[in-house]
Every structure is written in C-alpha cells, then in structure tokens.
Amino acid sequence: MSLSRARLDGQLDISPKTLHKWVADYKKDAKHSFVGSGNLKPEDREKRELQKRIRDLEEENAILKKAMSIFAKNQK
C-alpha cells in the first residue's frame, strides 16, 4: 500500500514540513531516526552526560568557594 505524502500527512494530522523532516531523518540515519522513549542517539547521550558532568562540577566549585570563604573568615 503506497500513500502519497500529502495524503499521509493529512491522515496523520501533521504538517507536510514535519513529514518531510521525518523522511529526511530516516534516509540520513535509519537506525537512530526515531529513538524516542528516552533512548538517545549515542552523540546525544554523550552530550547529556557531559552537560550533567559540567553542572556537577560547577556545583562542587560553588561549594568549595563557599567553604573557602568560611574558612578564611575563621582564620581572621
């Protein structure tokens, strides 16, 4: 069964632009096109992990700065 894109996007109630993007994404990388359900592409997973690592390090840095100021006040 072959449907035209115009008919298909009408049946799915999505814009032609969205359908075109989905088709282009699938042609580009079929294995990782529709990862969904929290499953990320490897590069997206790595990016998320690196962003979390940055947040954690920034938080640790802020804690250490506060501790330094507390210890510096106690030294006086």
Protein backbone atom coordinates (compact mmCIF):
# COMPACT_ATOMS: atom_id res chain seq x y z
CA MET A 1 0.00 0.00 0.00
CA SER A 2 1.58 3.24 -1.12
CA LEU A 3 0.31 6.58 0.09
CA SER A 4 1.34 9.97 -1.18
CA ARG A 5 2.99 12.25 1.35
CA ALA A 6 0.15 14.76 1.04
CA ARG A 7 -2.43 12.09 1.82
CA LEU A 8 -0.31 10.58 4.58
CA ASP A 9 0.31 13.86 6.40
CA GLY A 10 -3.42 14.54 6.19
CA GLN A 11 -4.24 11.15 7.71
CA LEU A 12 -1.64 11.61 10.43
CA ASP A 13 -2.73 15.20 11.07
CA ILE A 14 0.82 16.54 10.80
CA SER A 15 2.29 19.29 8.68
CA PRO A 16 3.96 18.44 5.36
CA LYS A 17 7.14 20.04 6.73
CA THR A 18 7.18 17.64 9.69
CA LEU A 19 6.65 14.61 7.47
CA HIS A 20 9.38 15.79 5.11
CA LYS A 21 11.80 16.16 8.05
CA TRP A 22 10.96 12.67 9.32
CA VAL A 23 11.60 11.15 5.89
CA ALA A 24 14.87 13.07 5.53
CA ASP A 25 16.00 11.98 9.02
CA TYR A 26 15.17 8.37 8.22
CA LYS A 27 17.09 8.48 4.94
CA LYS A 28 20.06 10.06 6.71
CA ASP A 29 20.26 7.58 9.62
CA ALA A 30 17.58 4.90 9.67
CA LYS A 31 18.90 3.19 12.81
CA HIS A 32 18.75 6.31 15.00
CA SER A 33 15.97 8.29 13.32
CA PHE A 34 13.17 7.70 15.80
CA VAL A 35 14.87 6.83 19.04
CA GLY A 36 12.09 8.10 21.35
CA SER A 37 11.13 6.77 24.79
CA GLY A 38 14.22 8.24 26.43
CA ASN A 39 16.56 6.33 24.15
CA LEU A 40 19.05 8.80 22.75
CA LYS A 41 21.41 8.74 19.83
CA PRO A 42 24.94 7.99 21.06
CA GLU A 43 26.10 11.57 20.43
CA ASP A 44 23.04 12.99 22.23
CA ARG A 45 23.61 10.64 25.17
CA GLU A 46 27.25 11.75 25.38
CA LYS A 47 26.21 15.41 25.21
CA ARG A 48 23.69 14.93 28.02
CA GLU A 49 26.28 13.14 30.16
CA LEU A 50 28.82 15.92 29.58
CA GLN A 51 26.26 18.60 30.43
CA LYS A 52 25.44 16.77 33.67
CA ARG A 53 29.15 16.50 34.47
CA ILE A 54 29.56 20.25 33.92
CA ARG A 55 26.61 21.01 36.22
CA ASP A 56 28.03 18.70 38.89
CA LEU A 57 31.48 20.30 38.67
CA GLU A 58 30.01 23.81 38.81
CA GLU A 59 28.06 22.85 41.93
CA GLU A 60 31.16 21.36 43.53
CA ASN A 61 33.11 24.51 42.65
CA ALA A 62 30.44 26.73 44.24
CA ILE A 63 30.50 24.63 47.42
CA LEU A 64 34.29 24.85 47.61
CA LYS A 65 34.19 28.63 47.13
CA LYS A 66 31.71 28.97 49.99
CA ALA A 67 33.83 26.72 52.18
CA MET A 68 36.94 28.78 51.38
CA SER A 69 35.21 32.00 52.41
CA ILE A 70 34.00 30.41 55.66
CA PHE A 71 37.48 29.11 56.48
CA ALA A 72 39.06 32.44 55.55
CA LYS A 73 36.71 34.27 57.96
CA ASN A 74 37.59 31.81 60.72
CA GLN A 75 41.31 32.46 60.18
CA LYS A 76 40.95 36.17 60.97
